[in-house]
Amino acid sequence: MDFKSKIEGFTTHQAIYLILDLLNRISDENLIRLTYLGEKLTSDEEVLSGIAGVRRLLQDPRHPAKRLFQRVLNYLPPQNSRSLFETLFYRAWFLGGKKREQFEFEHGFWPPFVMILSPKLHCNLRCKGCYTLGYGTKPELPFELVKRVLSECQEMGIHFITVLGGEPFVYPNLFRMIEEHHEIFFQVYTNGTLLTREKAKRLSELGNVMVVLSIEGYEEETDQWRGKGVYKKIMNAFDDLREARVLIGTSATVTRQNVEIVASEPFVDFMLEKGTFAQMYFLYLPVNGQADFSLMVTPEQRNHLRKQVVYFRQTKEMFFLDFWNDGPHVNGCIAGGRRYFHLNAKGDVEPCVYTHIATDNIRDTTLAKTLDSPLFRSIRARQPHNSNHLRPCMIIDNPNVMRQVIEEIKPYFTHPGAEEIYTSKSDKMDDYAKRFAELADRVWQNEYTNGQVEPEIQKTERSSFSWPSDGVQWNSRGAA
């Protein structure tokens, strides 16, 4: 009798018990068994489809997914593997999915999967081009308000919180927040300069957290963006986190100046060597009230990043997120509460980290009411913003959409200068969108066919791989 038949009558409780047992006995066979057990935790067809997609990747001897899962589970202490399953998978995906489904039944809309939380805007650095420069550095959310919001998140099924800033390690209640909400998985983005061996050890003890270090390339590129000496402090942070066996990710702000570096194979291999499990790419956007269009990647550079990530996903034992080029995986824009939203340190509830408009402040309302507000509904009603999901963004790819929303809803801008790209500099945004569309539409037509979410990798001198991605596609509710 095969494993799938053996667990046919398993209850959710029995499946969880066996999952926790298998997490401590990692093998190729047990990784496949974990996917079958995961199917016992949900009846959602979309999530089931996603699990099946992951299983296909694990069964492909050439795909690096298996090595990635093994890396994670062999790296984490046993109690942290358990915490990762309980928070990121069971609560965020399975139990959270049931909560979100019930919430939709009661309130008429499906809650997002992720909340981006910036509890404090103060930062010990002042990085060139940072999207938060317009806000100032003083705003901070009272901890009791943060607790209330996180409780509301859990009630509606949101168990994945990304923490931004400012600098999260300046926020005095960061560790308390993570500890008191042990049913939530926290992803903390940091410049790394304030991390210490003691803090890394504490994070490891908490277990329900991943630390994402911001790094813009090697020493020259990083220090040029963040300040002299920052790169060396990031290298120390890698060492402290790895010694404590804290889950590590890395994030790069991609500009015209560093895209060739951060999208290069040697840099990705270096991040693997330093212990990274996930590499995130975020394009520089001129949204901080001090727009510098010379920093924006060219259409050709953006397409180069896309192609590199396609290659990396099928050759490197690392998770990759390419926030704009990943439009095909999520059917376009995910802002406005479709998949995520942003709560800034002023309390303004923004549709997106880069969309600095709001109609509600969390001090005066609830998350449920804000997510169902005319602003958020107006954005969701327009998604996707066009049929080419390589052009998903309502800021840089479809700026006419943002201007329509602003005209219709009349929100307030959440900091001085945020309006400039929709008013005095709107022509520059239109020009960028037009130039990228000319390239992206050709790529979409030529490469994204037959329902593929990623094109085939072509054979090159650096790779023997030549097969299409079995990539799992994600829609507004999860896997599809």
Protein backbone atom coordinates (compact mmCIF):
# COMPACT_ATOMS: atom_id res chain seq x y z
CA MET A 1 0.00 0.00 0.00
CA ASP A 2 1.44 3.39 -0.98
CA PHE A 3 1.70 6.29 1.44
CA LYS A 4 -1.25 8.20 -0.04
CA SER A 5 -3.51 5.21 0.52
CA LYS A 6 -2.23 4.70 4.06
CA ILE A 7 -3.32 8.19 5.14
CA GLU A 8 -6.64 8.15 3.29
CA GLY A 9 -8.71 8.26 6.48
CA PHE A 10 -6.45 10.57 8.48
CA THR A 11 -7.98 13.39 10.49
CA THR A 12 -6.44 16.86 10.55
CA HIS A 13 -5.03 16.12 14.00
CA GLN A 14 -3.39 12.89 12.83
CA ALA A 15 -1.91 14.62 9.77
CA ILE A 16 -0.40 17.39 11.88
CA TYR A 17 1.08 14.88 14.32
CA LEU A 18 2.77 12.95 11.51
CA ILE A 19 3.97 16.15 9.79
CA LEU A 20 5.70 17.25 12.98
CA ASP A 21 7.30 13.83 13.27
CA LEU A 22 8.53 13.82 9.64
CA LEU A 23 10.05 17.29 10.01
CA ASN A 24 12.69 15.67 12.20
CA ARG A 25 13.37 12.84 9.71
CA ILE A 26 14.18 14.59 6.46
CA SER A 27 14.63 12.52 3.31
CA ASP A 28 13.57 12.80 -0.32
CA GLU A 29 10.74 10.39 0.34
CA ASN A 30 9.53 12.21 3.45
CA LEU A 31 9.41 15.56 1.62
CA ILE A 32 6.92 14.02 -0.82
CA ARG A 33 4.98 12.52 2.10
CA LEU A 34 4.72 15.98 3.67
CA THR A 35 2.86 17.25 0.61
CA TYR A 36 0.30 14.43 0.82
CA LEU A 37 -0.19 15.15 4.52
CA GLY A 38 -0.60 18.84 3.74
CA GLU A 39 -3.53 17.95 1.53
CA LYS A 40 -5.28 16.51 4.60
CA LEU A 41 -5.29 19.99 6.18
CA THR A 42 -7.43 21.76 3.58
CA SER A 43 -10.35 21.35 1.22
CA ASP A 44 -9.59 24.53 -0.70
CA GLU A 45 -9.11 23.54 -4.33
CA GLU A 46 -6.73 26.41 -4.95
CA VAL A 47 -4.44 25.48 -2.07
CA LEU A 48 -4.62 21.82 -3.07
CA SER A 49 -3.52 22.79 -6.56
CA GLY A 50 -0.59 24.68 -5.08
CA ILE A 51 0.46 21.66 -2.99
CA ALA A 52 0.31 19.47 -6.09
CA GLY A 53 2.52 21.98 -7.91
CA VAL A 54 5.10 21.88 -5.12
CA ARG A 55 5.04 18.08 -5.21
CA ARG A 56 5.80 18.12 -8.94
CA LEU A 57 8.83 20.28 -8.28
CA LEU A 58 10.04 17.96 -5.51
CA GLN A 59 9.64 14.94 -7.78
CA ASP A 60 11.72 16.50 -10.56
CA PRO A 61 15.30 15.35 -9.88
CA ARG A 62 16.66 18.34 -11.81
CA HIS A 63 14.74 21.06 -9.96
CA PRO A 64 16.38 22.74 -6.92
CA ALA A 65 13.16 22.87 -4.84
CA LYS A 66 14.05 19.66 -3.04
CA ARG A 67 17.48 20.99 -2.10
CA LEU A 68 15.89 24.20 -0.82
CA PHE A 69 13.48 22.35 1.48
CA GLN A 70 16.30 20.16 2.73
CA ARG A 71 18.50 23.20 3.35
CA VAL A 72 15.81 24.84 5.47
CA LEU A 73 14.94 21.79 7.54
CA ASN A 74 18.54 20.73 8.11
CA TYR A 75 19.51 24.28 9.12
CA LEU A 76 16.76 25.10 11.60
CA PRO A 77 16.74 23.75 15.15
CA PRO A 78 13.93 21.16 15.52
CA GLN A 79 11.73 23.49 17.57
CA ASN A 80 12.08 26.20 14.92
CA SER A 81 11.13 23.80 12.12
CA ARG A 82 8.00 23.09 14.13
CA SER A 83 7.35 26.82 14.63
CA LEU A 84 7.84 27.45 10.89
CA PHE A 85 5.26 24.80 10.05
CA GLU A 86 2.78 25.94 12.67
CA THR A 87 2.92 29.64 11.74
CA LEU A 88 3.84 29.99 8.07
CA PHE A 89 2.13 26.87 6.77
CA TYR A 90 -0.60 25.66 9.11
CA ARG A 91 -1.87 29.01 10.39
CA ALA A 92 -1.03 31.31 7.47
CA TRP A 93 -2.09 28.94 4.71
CA PHE A 94 -4.40 26.21 5.98
CA LEU A 95 -6.15 27.50 9.10
CA GLY A 96 -5.85 31.08 7.83
CA GLY A 97 -7.47 30.06 4.56
CA LYS A 98 -10.49 28.70 6.41
CA LYS A 99 -10.74 31.90 8.43
CA ARG A 100 -10.48 34.04 5.30
CA GLU A 101 -13.17 31.95 3.62
CA GLN A 102 -15.50 32.41 6.60
CA PHE A 103 -14.71 36.13 6.66
CA GLU A 104 -15.64 36.42 2.99
CA PHE A 105 -18.93 34.67 3.69
CA GLU A 106 -19.73 37.12 6.49
CA HIS A 107 -18.31 40.36 5.03
CA GLY A 108 -18.38 39.94 1.26
CA PHE A 109 -14.66 40.07 0.45
CA TRP A 110 -11.63 37.83 0.85
CA PRO A 111 -8.97 39.23 3.25
CA PRO A 112 -5.36 39.52 2.09
CA PHE A 113 -2.66 37.01 2.96
CA VAL A 114 -0.10 39.55 4.20
CA MET A 115 -0.06 42.80 6.14
CA ILE A 116 2.98 45.03 5.81
CA LEU A 117 3.53 46.80 9.13
CA SER A 118 5.82 49.79 9.69
CA PRO A 119 5.48 50.36 13.45
CA LYS A 120 8.16 53.08 13.60
CA LEU A 121 9.66 55.33 10.94
CA HIS A 122 12.90 56.24 12.72
CA CYS A 123 16.02 54.72 11.16
CA ASN A 124 19.69 54.92 12.04
CA LEU A 125 20.53 55.25 8.32
CA ARG A 126 19.31 57.60 5.62
CA CYS A 127 19.66 55.55 2.46
CA LYS A 128 19.73 57.16 -0.95
CA GLY A 129 16.35 56.85 -2.66
CA CYS A 130 14.53 55.21 0.27
CA TYR A 131 10.77 55.15 -0.36
CA THR A 132 10.13 56.42 3.21
CA LEU A 133 12.11 59.68 2.96
CA GLY A 134 8.98 61.81 2.67
CA TYR A 135 7.40 60.60 5.91
CA GLY A 136 9.99 61.97 8.30
CA THR A 137 11.42 59.90 11.16
CA LYS A 138 9.22 60.65 14.18
CA PRO A 139 5.97 58.68 13.67
CA GLU A 140 5.53 55.56 15.80
CA LEU A 141 2.49 53.40 16.54
CA PRO A 142 1.65 52.83 20.24
CA PHE A 143 2.22 49.21 21.15
CA GLU A 144 -1.34 48.72 22.35
CA LEU A 145 -2.55 49.81 18.92
CA VAL A 146 -0.17 47.36 17.25
CA LYS A 147 -1.50 44.58 19.47
CA ARG A 148 -5.07 45.45 18.56
CA VAL A 149 -4.30 45.43 14.85
CA LEU A 150 -2.48 42.09 15.03
CA SER A 151 -5.43 40.58 16.89
CA GLU A 152 -7.71 41.82 14.12
CA CYS A 153 -5.38 40.25 11.57
CA GLN A 154 -5.61 36.87 13.27
CA GLU A 155 -9.38 37.08 13.51
CA MET A 156 -9.68 37.49 9.74
CA GLY A 157 -7.02 34.86 8.95
CA ILE A 158 -3.87 36.97 8.39
CA HIS A 159 -0.96 35.16 10.04
CA PHE A 160 1.89 36.54 7.92
CA ILE A 161 3.26 39.96 8.87
CA THR A 162 6.14 41.73 7.15
CA VAL A 163 7.78 44.31 9.40
CA LEU A 164 9.39 47.38 7.81
CA GLY A 165 10.35 50.82 9.07
CA GLY A 166 12.33 52.93 9.41
CA GLU A 167 14.54 50.31 10.92
CA PRO A 168 12.62 47.59 12.83
CA PHE A 169 15.42 47.09 15.36
CA VAL A 170 14.98 50.72 16.44
CA TYR A 171 11.37 49.88 17.40
CA PRO A 172 11.50 49.26 21.18
CA ASN A 173 8.74 46.64 21.19
CA LEU A 174 9.92 44.47 18.29
CA PHE A 175 10.83 41.40 20.35
CA ARG A 176 7.78 41.77 22.58
CA MET A 177 5.54 41.97 19.51
CA ILE A 178 6.97 38.77 18.03
CA GLU A 179 6.85 36.92 21.37
CA GLU A 180 3.29 37.88 22.27
CA HIS A 181 1.97 36.90 18.84
CA HIS A 182 3.53 33.46 18.55
CA GLU A 183 0.78 32.30 16.16
CA ILE A 184 2.00 34.79 13.53
CA PHE A 185 5.00 34.39 11.22
CA PHE A 186 7.02 37.62 11.10
CA GLN A 187 9.32 38.63 8.26
CA VAL A 188 11.56 41.46 9.47
CA TYR A 189 13.39 43.61 6.92
CA THR A 190 16.47 45.28 8.40
CA ASN A 191 19.59 47.14 7.34
CA GLY A 192 21.48 44.74 9.62
CA THR A 193 23.62 47.36 11.36
CA LEU A 194 21.93 46.99 14.76
CA LEU A 195 21.95 43.21 14.88
CA THR A 196 24.13 41.57 17.52
CA ARG A 197 24.90 38.01 18.53
CA GLU A 198 22.58 38.41 21.52
CA LYS A 199 19.69 39.67 19.37
CA ALA A 200 20.20 36.84 16.89
CA LYS A 201 20.08 34.32 19.72
CA ARG A 202 16.84 35.86 20.99
CA LEU A 203 15.30 35.67 17.52
CA SER A 204 16.24 32.01 17.32
CA GLU A 205 14.57 31.38 20.68
CA LEU A 206 11.38 33.02 19.41
CA GLY A 207 11.37 30.87 16.28
CA ASN A 208 8.48 32.50 14.39
CA VAL A 209 10.62 34.97 12.47
CA MET A 210 12.73 35.38 9.37
CA VAL A 211 15.25 38.21 9.11
CA VAL A 212 15.72 39.83 5.69
CA LEU A 213 18.95 41.77 5.29
CA SER A 214 18.92 44.68 2.84
CA ILE A 215 21.97 44.61 0.59
CA GLU A 216 22.47 46.38 -2.73
CA GLY A 217 25.39 44.36 -4.09
CA TYR A 218 28.95 44.12 -2.85
CA GLU A 219 30.73 46.67 -0.66
CA GLU A 220 30.92 49.46 -3.24
CA GLU A 221 27.26 49.28 -4.27
CA THR A 222 25.90 48.80 -0.75
CA ASP A 223 27.93 51.55 0.88
CA GLN A 224 27.14 53.93 -1.96
CA TRP A 225 23.43 53.42 -1.26
CA ARG A 226 23.45 53.01 2.53
CA GLY A 227 26.59 54.70 3.83
CA LYS A 228 30.25 53.91 4.37
CA GLY A 229 30.91 50.89 6.55
CA VAL A 230 27.38 49.43 6.30
CA TYR A 231 28.41 46.48 4.14
CA LYS A 232 30.86 45.18 6.74
CA LYS A 233 28.17 45.39 9.42
CA ILE A 234 25.83 43.39 7.17
CA MET A 235 28.52 40.73 6.80
CA ASN A 236 28.71 40.53 10.60
CA ALA A 237 24.93 40.25 10.78
CA PHE A 238 25.03 37.29 8.39
CA ASP A 239 27.51 35.57 10.69
CA ASP A 240 25.50 36.22 13.87
CA LEU A 241 22.22 35.06 12.32
CA ARG A 242 23.78 31.97 10.78
CA GLU A 243 25.46 31.03 14.06
CA ALA A 244 22.09 31.29 15.84
CA ARG A 245 20.40 29.43 12.96
CA VAL A 246 17.87 32.16 12.29
CA LEU A 247 16.16 31.92 8.91
CA ILE A 248 17.86 34.48 6.63
CA GLY A 249 16.61 36.31 3.55
CA THR A 250 18.13 39.13 1.53
CA SER A 251 16.56 42.09 -0.26
CA ALA A 252 17.96 44.41 -2.92
CA THR A 253 16.64 47.77 -4.05
CA VAL A 254 17.26 47.49 -7.79
CA THR A 255 18.39 50.61 -9.61
CA ARG A 256 19.90 51.49 -12.95
CA GLN A 257 23.28 51.48 -11.21
CA ASN A 258 23.30 48.06 -9.51
CA VAL A 259 20.95 45.81 -11.48
CA GLU A 260 23.75 44.01 -13.33
CA ILE A 261 25.40 43.16 -9.99
CA VAL A 262 22.41 42.01 -7.93
CA ALA A 263 21.00 40.02 -10.86
CA SER A 264 24.29 38.25 -11.52
CA GLU A 265 24.99 34.60 -10.82
CA PRO A 266 28.15 35.31 -8.78
CA PHE A 267 26.19 37.61 -6.45
CA VAL A 268 23.39 35.07 -5.97
CA ASP A 269 25.97 32.35 -5.28
CA PHE A 270 27.60 34.67 -2.74
CA MET A 271 24.25 35.14 -0.99
CA LEU A 272 23.84 31.36 -0.91
CA GLU A 273 27.29 31.07 0.63
CA LYS A 274 26.35 33.63 3.30
CA GLY A 275 23.27 31.60 4.25
CA THR A 276 20.40 33.23 2.38
CA PHE A 277 17.29 31.16 1.80
CA ALA A 278 15.29 33.82 -0.07
CA GLN A 279 16.36 36.64 -2.37
CA MET A 280 13.91 39.51 -2.94
CA TYR A 281 14.15 42.17 -5.63
CA PHE A 282 12.36 45.52 -5.34
CA LEU A 283 12.66 48.13 -8.06
CA TYR A 284 13.46 51.68 -7.06
CA LEU A 285 10.26 53.72 -7.42
CA PRO A 286 10.26 57.55 -7.31
CA VAL A 287 7.53 57.79 -4.67
CA ASN A 288 9.25 59.57 -1.77
CA GLY A 289 8.61 63.15 -2.86
CA GLN A 290 12.19 63.44 -4.11
CA ALA A 291 11.79 61.59 -7.40
CA ASP A 292 15.03 60.70 -9.14
CA PHE A 293 14.08 59.14 -12.45
CA SER A 294 17.74 58.49 -13.28
CA LEU A 295 17.71 55.70 -10.67
CA MET A 296 14.87 53.76 -12.33
CA VAL A 297 15.92 50.66 -14.23
CA THR A 298 15.58 50.87 -17.99
CA PRO A 299 13.02 48.61 -19.70
CA GLU A 300 15.90 46.44 -20.93
CA GLN A 301 17.38 46.15 -17.44
CA ARG A 302 14.02 45.22 -15.96
CA ASN A 303 13.66 42.48 -18.56
CA HIS A 304 17.20 41.30 -17.84
CA LEU A 305 16.30 40.93 -14.15
CA ARG A 306 13.21 38.92 -15.13
CA LYS A 307 15.22 36.50 -17.26
CA GLN A 308 17.86 36.06 -14.57
CA VAL A 309 15.24 35.22 -11.94
CA VAL A 310 13.67 32.64 -14.28
CA TYR A 311 17.09 31.05 -14.58
CA PHE A 312 17.84 31.23 -10.84
CA ARG A 313 14.52 29.66 -9.86
CA GLN A 314 15.34 26.56 -11.84
CA THR A 315 19.01 26.30 -10.87
CA LYS A 316 19.48 27.65 -7.31
CA GLU A 317 18.27 26.18 -4.01
CA MET A 318 16.78 29.49 -2.96
CA PHE A 319 13.36 31.16 -3.04
CA PHE A 320 13.20 34.22 -5.32
CA LEU A 321 10.72 37.07 -5.30
CA ASP A 322 10.84 39.64 -8.11
CA PHE A 323 8.06 41.97 -7.02
CA TRP A 324 7.20 43.53 -10.39
CA ASN A 325 8.28 40.83 -12.84
CA ASP A 326 6.34 38.26 -10.84
CA GLY A 327 3.05 39.68 -12.11
CA PRO A 328 2.39 36.52 -14.17
CA HIS A 329 2.47 34.43 -10.98
CA VAL A 330 -0.22 36.48 -9.24
CA ASN A 331 -2.31 37.71 -12.18
CA GLY A 332 -1.17 41.32 -11.94
CA CYS A 333 -1.35 43.85 -9.11
CA ILE A 334 -1.83 42.51 -5.57
CA ALA A 335 -2.32 45.85 -3.76
CA GLY A 336 -5.46 47.28 -2.21
CA GLY A 337 -5.96 44.25 0.02
CA ARG A 338 -6.15 41.77 -2.83
CA ARG A 339 -3.09 40.04 -1.44
CA TYR A 340 -1.53 42.68 0.78
CA PHE A 341 -1.64 46.24 2.14
CA HIS A 342 0.50 48.56 4.25
CA LEU A 343 -0.07 50.09 7.68
CA ASN A 344 2.43 52.91 8.14
CA ALA A 345 3.77 54.35 11.40
CA LYS A 346 1.34 57.27 11.22
CA GLY A 347 -1.53 54.80 11.30
CA ASP A 348 -2.51 55.45 7.68
CA VAL A 349 -3.72 52.33 5.89
CA GLU A 350 -2.16 52.43 2.43
CA PRO A 351 -3.06 50.16 -0.49
CA CYS A 352 0.61 49.39 -1.13
CA VAL A 353 4.01 50.14 0.37
CA TYR A 354 4.69 52.40 -2.61
CA THR A 355 1.17 53.87 -2.96
CA HIS A 356 1.26 56.76 -0.52
CA ILE A 357 -2.43 57.57 -0.33
CA ALA A 358 -5.10 56.73 2.24
CA THR A 359 -8.63 57.48 3.32
CA ASP A 360 -8.49 55.86 6.75
CA ASN A 361 -6.30 55.94 9.83
CA ILE A 362 -6.32 52.79 11.96
CA ARG A 363 -6.77 54.87 15.11
CA ASP A 364 -10.29 55.70 13.96
CA THR A 365 -11.46 52.46 12.38
CA THR A 366 -10.89 48.72 12.05
CA LEU A 367 -8.94 46.77 9.49
CA ALA A 368 -12.11 45.14 8.21
CA LYS A 369 -13.72 48.50 7.49
CA THR A 370 -10.58 49.86 5.85
CA LEU A 371 -10.14 46.84 3.59
CA ASP A 372 -13.75 47.27 2.51
CA SER A 373 -13.40 51.04 1.99
CA PRO A 374 -14.22 52.75 -1.31
CA LEU A 375 -10.48 53.28 -1.89
CA PHE A 376 -9.56 49.62 -1.57
CA ARG A 377 -12.63 48.46 -3.47
CA SER A 378 -11.88 50.90 -6.27
CA ILE A 379 -8.38 49.49 -6.69
CA ARG A 380 -9.50 45.86 -6.56
CA ALA A 381 -12.24 46.56 -9.11
CA ARG A 382 -9.57 47.65 -11.59
CA GLN A 383 -7.32 44.60 -11.13
CA PRO A 384 -5.67 43.36 -13.21
CA HIS A 385 -4.90 46.71 -14.80
CA ASN A 386 -4.25 45.17 -18.21
CA SER A 387 -3.98 41.74 -19.79
CA ASN A 388 -0.18 41.73 -19.79
CA HIS A 389 0.84 40.70 -16.29
CA LEU A 390 4.42 41.76 -16.94
CA ARG A 391 2.99 45.29 -16.60
CA PRO A 392 1.10 44.84 -13.31
CA CYS A 393 1.82 48.03 -11.40
CA MET A 394 -0.64 50.91 -11.09
CA ILE A 395 2.23 53.26 -10.26
CA ILE A 396 4.86 52.76 -12.95
CA ASP A 397 3.12 50.55 -15.54
CA ASN A 398 -0.43 51.91 -15.49
CA PRO A 399 -0.17 55.39 -13.95
CA ASN A 400 -3.48 56.36 -15.52
CA VAL A 401 -5.14 53.87 -13.16
CA MET A 402 -3.77 55.59 -10.08
CA ARG A 403 -4.87 58.97 -11.37
CA GLN A 404 -8.35 57.59 -11.99
CA VAL A 405 -8.52 56.22 -8.44
CA ILE A 406 -7.31 59.53 -6.98
CA GLU A 407 -9.83 61.48 -9.03
CA GLU A 408 -12.68 59.15 -8.09
CA ILE A 409 -11.97 58.63 -4.36
CA LYS A 410 -10.05 61.81 -3.49
CA PRO A 411 -7.80 60.25 -0.83
CA TYR A 412 -5.22 62.22 1.09
CA PHE A 413 -1.51 61.85 0.40
CA THR A 414 0.30 60.37 3.37
CA HIS A 415 3.34 62.66 3.24
CA PRO A 416 4.37 65.90 1.53
CA GLY A 417 5.51 65.42 -2.05
CA ALA A 418 3.81 62.07 -2.55
CA GLU A 419 1.51 63.69 -5.10
CA GLU A 420 4.26 64.82 -7.50
CA ILE A 421 4.33 61.70 -9.69
CA TYR A 422 0.59 62.09 -10.27
CA THR A 423 0.71 65.83 -10.94
CA SER A 424 3.82 67.79 -11.91
CA LYS A 425 5.82 64.71 -12.91
CA SER A 426 3.04 62.62 -14.37
CA ASP A 427 4.46 63.02 -17.88
CA LYS A 428 7.67 61.27 -16.80
CA MET A 429 5.66 58.38 -15.36
CA ASP A 430 3.64 58.09 -18.56
CA ASP A 431 6.82 58.07 -20.60
CA TYR A 432 8.34 55.27 -18.52
CA ALA A 433 5.15 53.21 -18.75
CA LYS A 434 5.02 53.65 -22.51
CA ARG A 435 8.65 52.68 -23.04
CA PHE A 436 8.38 49.59 -20.87
CA ALA A 437 5.09 48.55 -22.49
CA GLU A 438 6.70 48.47 -25.92
CA LEU A 439 9.21 45.88 -24.69
CA ALA A 440 6.97 43.99 -22.26
CA ASP A 441 4.18 43.48 -24.78
CA ARG A 442 6.61 41.83 -27.20
CA VAL A 443 7.95 39.60 -24.42
CA TRP A 444 4.45 38.66 -23.29
CA GLN A 445 3.42 37.75 -26.81
CA ASN A 446 6.57 35.81 -27.65
CA GLU A 447 7.39 34.02 -24.40
CA TYR A 448 4.33 33.67 -22.15
CA THR A 449 2.14 31.23 -24.01
CA ASN A 450 0.02 28.17 -23.29
CA GLY A 451 -0.76 29.37 -19.77
CA GLN A 452 2.87 29.32 -18.62
CA VAL A 453 3.74 31.70 -15.81
CA GLU A 454 7.42 31.55 -16.73
CA PRO A 455 9.02 30.99 -20.13
CA GLU A 456 11.34 28.15 -20.90
CA ILE A 457 14.99 28.43 -19.98
CA GLN A 458 17.09 28.27 -23.10
CA LYS A 459 20.31 26.28 -23.10
CA THR A 460 23.36 28.46 -22.66
CA GLU A 461 27.01 27.91 -21.96
CA ARG A 462 26.29 28.24 -18.24
CA SER A 463 23.34 25.86 -17.97
CA SER A 464 22.31 22.41 -19.11
CA PHE A 465 18.72 23.09 -18.08
CA SER A 466 16.04 23.43 -20.76
CA TRP A 467 12.56 22.82 -19.47
CA PRO A 468 9.53 24.99 -18.68
CA SER A 469 8.74 25.94 -15.13
CA ASP A 470 6.19 23.85 -13.28
CA GLY A 471 5.61 27.12 -11.48
CA VAL A 472 2.62 27.35 -9.22
CA GLN A 473 0.36 30.22 -10.21
CA TRP A 474 -1.20 32.33 -7.51
CA ASN A 475 -4.40 34.32 -7.66
CA SER A 476 -6.24 36.55 -5.22
CA ARG A 477 -6.86 33.71 -2.77
CA GLY A 478 -3.79 31.56 -3.02
CA ALA A 479 -2.63 28.89 -5.41
CA ALA A 480 -4.54 28.34 -8.63
